Amino acid sequence: MSSERQSALLALFERLDEQRQRSLLDYADFLVERHGLAQPQSGVPVPELSPRPENESVVKAMKRLSAGYFMLDRASIFHQASALMTEHIMQGRPAAEVIDDLEALFLREYQKLTEDR
């Protein structure tokens, strides 16, 4: 990228408030991952995440996240994931909330893995 384009991008970025800056960075991360341009951190593969379907069930979310975060040790997240699934099944917690928590759990475990290496 030319220095002119970098300067223009930086100037636009600096005009945004903090929340919009974070959104722009998240979008850039998404584009890099989607197009396979992400660099593995310390030899840990980058997750291969499928988009979250509308009205996804908790069980299907677990399958999607397990496939996307294939590098994680399933035993390390089993207890926490089981507790979340139980909240949905036994206590009637909405699936969307549980899936949000599952996504956060998988991401936290991935971040721990990359920090450890």
Protein backbone atom coordinates (compact mmCIF):
# COMPACT_ATOMS: atom_id res chain seq x y z
CA MET A 1 0.00 0.00 0.00
CA SER A 2 1.36 3.41 -0.87
CA SER A 3 2.16 5.85 1.91
CA GLU A 4 -0.55 8.17 0.52
CA ARG A 5 -3.21 5.48 0.91
CA GLN A 6 -1.92 4.60 4.37
CA SER A 7 -2.09 8.27 5.38
CA ALA A 8 -5.61 8.60 3.99
CA LEU A 9 -6.75 5.46 5.83
CA LEU A 10 -5.15 6.62 9.07
CA ALA A 11 -6.77 10.07 8.75
CA LEU A 12 -10.21 8.47 8.29
CA PHE A 13 -9.60 6.08 11.16
CA GLU A 14 -8.62 8.90 13.51
CA ARG A 15 -11.86 10.77 12.73
CA LEU A 16 -13.92 7.87 14.08
CA ASP A 17 -14.90 7.48 17.72
CA GLU A 18 -13.45 4.56 19.66
CA GLN A 19 -16.42 2.24 19.08
CA ARG A 20 -16.35 2.79 15.32
CA GLN A 21 -12.58 2.34 15.25
CA ARG A 22 -13.06 -1.05 16.95
CA SER A 23 -15.76 -1.94 14.40
CA LEU A 24 -13.44 -1.02 11.54
CA LEU A 25 -10.63 -3.14 13.01
CA ASP A 26 -13.05 -6.05 13.54
CA TYR A 27 -14.15 -5.77 9.92
CA ALA A 28 -10.55 -5.74 8.72
CA ASP A 29 -9.83 -8.85 10.82
CA PHE A 30 -12.92 -10.50 9.30
CA LEU A 31 -11.73 -9.75 5.75
CA VAL A 32 -8.25 -11.08 6.46
CA GLU A 33 -9.61 -14.30 7.99
CA ARG A 34 -12.28 -14.78 5.33
CA HIS A 35 -9.76 -14.56 2.52
CA GLY A 36 -7.20 -16.79 4.22
CA LEU A 37 -4.66 -14.03 4.71
CA ALA A 38 -4.26 -14.34 8.47
CA GLN A 39 -0.85 -15.30 9.80
CA PRO A 40 -0.78 -18.07 12.40
CA GLN A 41 0.42 -16.84 15.79
CA SER A 42 3.27 -18.89 17.18
CA GLY A 43 2.38 -21.86 15.02
CA VAL A 44 -1.26 -22.03 16.19
CA PRO A 45 -3.64 -22.32 13.23
CA VAL A 46 -6.18 -19.57 12.66
CA PRO A 47 -9.79 -20.64 13.34
CA GLU A 48 -11.84 -21.47 10.28
CA LEU A 49 -15.16 -20.03 11.39
CA SER A 50 -18.38 -20.40 9.46
CA PRO A 51 -20.87 -17.55 9.71
CA ARG A 52 -23.48 -17.95 12.42
CA PRO A 53 -26.79 -18.95 10.81
CA GLU A 54 -29.96 -17.23 11.84
CA ASN A 55 -31.97 -19.28 14.38
CA GLU A 56 -29.07 -21.65 14.97
CA SER A 57 -29.62 -24.33 17.61
CA VAL A 58 -27.21 -24.68 20.52
CA VAL A 59 -26.16 -28.16 19.36
CA LYS A 60 -25.41 -26.92 15.84
CA ALA A 61 -23.50 -23.97 17.29
CA MET A 62 -21.34 -26.41 19.28
CA LYS A 63 -20.63 -28.38 16.11
CA ARG A 64 -19.82 -25.20 14.15
CA LEU A 65 -17.54 -23.84 16.85
CA SER A 66 -15.82 -27.19 17.42
CA ALA A 67 -15.11 -27.45 13.70
CA GLY A 68 -13.93 -23.84 13.44
CA TYR A 69 -11.72 -24.05 16.51
CA PHE A 70 -10.34 -27.47 15.57
CA MET A 71 -7.01 -26.69 17.26
CA LEU A 72 -8.54 -26.51 20.75
CA ASP A 73 -8.47 -29.37 23.21
CA ARG A 74 -12.14 -30.25 23.57
CA ALA A 75 -11.59 -31.57 27.08
CA SER A 76 -10.49 -28.11 28.22
CA ILE A 77 -13.82 -26.54 27.26
CA PHE A 78 -16.17 -29.49 27.77
CA HIS A 79 -17.19 -28.65 31.35
CA GLN A 80 -17.99 -25.00 30.64
CA ALA A 81 -19.75 -25.77 27.36
CA SER A 82 -21.82 -28.50 29.03
CA ALA A 83 -22.89 -26.08 31.75
CA LEU A 84 -24.04 -23.58 29.14
CA MET A 85 -25.95 -26.23 27.21
CA THR A 86 -27.60 -27.37 30.44
CA GLU A 87 -28.74 -23.80 31.15
CA HIS A 88 -30.48 -23.82 27.78
CA ILE A 89 -32.06 -27.26 28.06
CA MET A 90 -32.95 -27.42 31.74
CA GLN A 91 -33.48 -23.76 32.64
CA GLY A 92 -34.86 -22.49 29.34
CA ARG A 93 -32.17 -19.92 28.74
CA PRO A 94 -32.57 -18.52 25.19
CA ALA A 95 -30.44 -20.25 22.57
CA ALA A 96 -29.06 -16.95 21.20
CA GLU A 97 -27.68 -16.01 24.64
CA VAL A 98 -26.11 -19.42 25.15
CA ILE A 99 -24.56 -19.33 21.68
CA ASP A 100 -23.11 -15.88 22.42
CA ASP A 101 -21.52 -17.32 25.55
CA LEU A 102 -20.26 -20.38 23.67
CA GLU A 103 -18.63 -18.17 21.04
CA ALA A 104 -16.98 -16.14 23.80
CA LEU A 105 -15.79 -19.34 25.51
CA PHE A 106 -14.20 -20.71 22.35
CA LEU A 107 -12.56 -17.36 21.60
CA ARG A 108 -11.17 -17.11 25.17
CA GLU A 109 -9.72 -20.61 24.94
CA TYR A 110 -8.17 -19.82 21.57
CA GLN A 111 -6.65 -16.62 22.93
CA LYS A 112 -5.19 -18.57 25.88
CA LEU A 113 -3.70 -21.07 23.45
CA THR A 114 -2.05 -18.37 21.34
CA GLU A 115 -0.74 -16.54 24.43
CA ASP A 116 0.80 -19.73 25.80
CA ARG A 117 2.91 -20.26 22.68
